[in-house]
Amino acid sequence: MDGEQRRGSFRSFFLGGLVGASAAVAAVNRRRRVQRRRSRARGLAAFESAPCYLELLEQERASSEVQRGG
């Protein structure tokens, strides 16, 4: 192998490693995003667990107790 072929092989090896490493990093980031999405409540469950909604329920409960005289 002369110097030119050796340099070309090294360059090809280096670029392949770089592409492989970037693909691995992208896969890890994608997996983290999917896991974060799964842990979030969706739809009505997200609304019902919101602090403002829970506060509204407490206020309604308190006002209905006052109206009943309890």
C-alpha atoms as a PDB file:
ATOM      1  CA  MET A   1       0.000   0.000   0.000  1.00  0.00           C
ATOM      2  CA  ASP A   2       1.464   3.301  -0.967  1.00  0.00           C
ATOM      3  CA  GLY A   3       0.924   6.545   0.953  1.00  0.00           C
ATOM      4  CA  GLU A   4      -2.010   7.754  -1.154  1.00  0.00           C
ATOM      5  CA  GLN A   5      -4.035   4.540  -0.717  1.00  0.00           C
ATOM      6  CA  ARG A   6      -3.221   4.399   2.984  1.00  0.00           C
ATOM      7  CA  ARG A   7      -4.346   8.005   3.445  1.00  0.00           C
ATOM      8  CA  GLY A   8      -7.586   7.268   1.571  1.00  0.00           C
ATOM      9  CA  SER A   9      -8.278   4.223   3.722  1.00  0.00           C
ATOM     10  CA  PHE A  10      -7.645   6.177   6.901  1.00  0.00           C
ATOM     11  CA  ARG A  11      -9.908   8.998   5.729  1.00  0.00           C
ATOM     12  CA  SER A  12     -12.658   6.528   4.883  1.00  0.00           C
ATOM     13  CA  PHE A  13     -12.279   4.817   8.272  1.00  0.00           C
ATOM     14  CA  PHE A  14     -12.372   8.178  10.074  1.00  0.00           C
ATOM     15  CA  LEU A  15     -15.473   9.385   8.218  1.00  0.00           C
ATOM     16  CA  GLY A  16     -17.242   6.074   8.825  1.00  0.00           C
ATOM     17  CA  GLY A  17     -16.503   6.312  12.541  1.00  0.00           C
ATOM     18  CA  LEU A  18     -17.744   9.880  12.625  1.00  0.00           C
ATOM     19  CA  VAL A  19     -20.994   8.953  10.881  1.00  0.00           C
ATOM     20  CA  GLY A  20     -21.476   5.966  13.182  1.00  0.00           C
ATOM     21  CA  ALA A  21     -20.876   8.046  16.301  1.00  0.00           C
ATOM     22  CA  SER A  22     -23.330  10.719  15.194  1.00  0.00           C
ATOM     23  CA  ALA A  23     -25.941   8.046  14.479  1.00  0.00           C
ATOM     24  CA  ALA A  24     -25.453   6.626  17.977  1.00  0.00           C
ATOM     25  CA  VAL A  25     -25.861  10.071  19.553  1.00  0.00           C
ATOM     26  CA  ALA A  26     -29.012  10.696  17.510  1.00  0.00           C
ATOM     27  CA  ALA A  27     -30.480   7.345  18.600  1.00  0.00           C
ATOM     28  CA  VAL A  28     -29.847   8.120  22.268  1.00  0.00           C
ATOM     29  CA  ASN A  29     -31.489  11.544  21.938  1.00  0.00           C
ATOM     30  CA  ARG A  30     -34.500  10.049  20.186  1.00  0.00           C
ATOM     31  CA  ARG A  31     -34.904   7.416  22.893  1.00  0.00           C
ATOM     32  CA  ARG A  32     -34.796  10.093  25.624  1.00  0.00           C
ATOM     33  CA  ARG A  33     -37.461  12.160  23.863  1.00  0.00           C
ATOM     34  CA  VAL A  34     -39.763   9.155  23.503  1.00  0.00           C
ATOM     35  CA  GLN A  35     -39.359   8.250  27.178  1.00  0.00           C
ATOM     36  CA  ARG A  36     -40.132  11.832  28.249  1.00  0.00           C
ATOM     37  CA  ARG A  37     -43.279  11.854  26.116  1.00  0.00           C
ATOM     38  CA  ARG A  38     -44.505   8.599  27.615  1.00  0.00           C
ATOM     39  CA  SER A  39     -44.210   9.911  31.154  1.00  0.00           C
ATOM     40  CA  ARG A  40     -46.444  12.923  30.456  1.00  0.00           C
ATOM     41  CA  ALA A  41     -50.167  12.730  30.942  1.00  0.00           C
ATOM     42  CA  ARG A  42     -52.104  13.119  27.728  1.00  0.00           C
ATOM     43  CA  GLY A  43     -55.511  14.423  26.832  1.00  0.00           C
ATOM     44  CA  LEU A  44     -58.045  14.867  29.610  1.00  0.00           C
ATOM     45  CA  ALA A  45     -55.716  13.309  32.181  1.00  0.00           C
ATOM     46  CA  ALA A  46     -53.266  16.169  31.646  1.00  0.00           C
ATOM     47  CA  PHE A  47     -56.022  18.713  32.199  1.00  0.00           C
ATOM     48  CA  GLU A  48     -57.417  16.981  35.283  1.00  0.00           C
ATOM     49  CA  SER A  49     -54.023  16.860  36.970  1.00  0.00           C
ATOM     50  CA  ALA A  50     -53.311  20.568  36.350  1.00  0.00           C
ATOM     51  CA  PRO A  51     -52.966  22.629  39.558  1.00  0.00           C
ATOM     52  CA  CYS A  52     -55.437  25.270  38.364  1.00  0.00           C
ATOM     53  CA  TYR A  53     -58.112  22.613  37.768  1.00  0.00           C
ATOM     54  CA  LEU A  54     -57.506  21.016  41.167  1.00  0.00           C
ATOM     55  CA  GLU A  55     -57.816  24.451  42.795  1.00  0.00           C
ATOM     56  CA  LEU A  56     -61.111  25.033  40.989  1.00  0.00           C
ATOM     57  CA  LEU A  57     -62.437  21.712  42.275  1.00  0.00           C
ATOM     58  CA  GLU A  58     -61.493  22.674  45.837  1.00  0.00           C
ATOM     59  CA  GLN A  59     -63.291  26.009  45.489  1.00  0.00           C
ATOM     60  CA  GLU A  60     -66.423  24.345  44.129  1.00  0.00           C
ATOM     61  CA  ARG A  61     -66.358  21.754  46.909  1.00  0.00           C
ATOM     62  CA  ALA A  62     -66.017  24.482  49.546  1.00  0.00           C
ATOM     63  CA  SER A  63     -68.841  26.560  48.074  1.00  0.00           C
ATOM     64  CA  SER A  64     -71.181  23.543  47.893  1.00  0.00           C
ATOM     65  CA  GLU A  65     -70.478  22.762  51.582  1.00  0.00           C
ATOM     66  CA  VAL A  66     -71.313  26.356  52.524  1.00  0.00           C
ATOM     67  CA  GLN A  67     -74.569  26.220  50.548  1.00  0.00           C
ATOM     68  CA  ARG A  68     -75.564  22.957  52.243  1.00  0.00           C
ATOM     69  CA  GLY A  69     -74.786  24.465  55.599  1.00  0.00           C
ATOM     70  CA  GLY A  70     -72.037  22.029  56.426  1.00  0.00           C
END
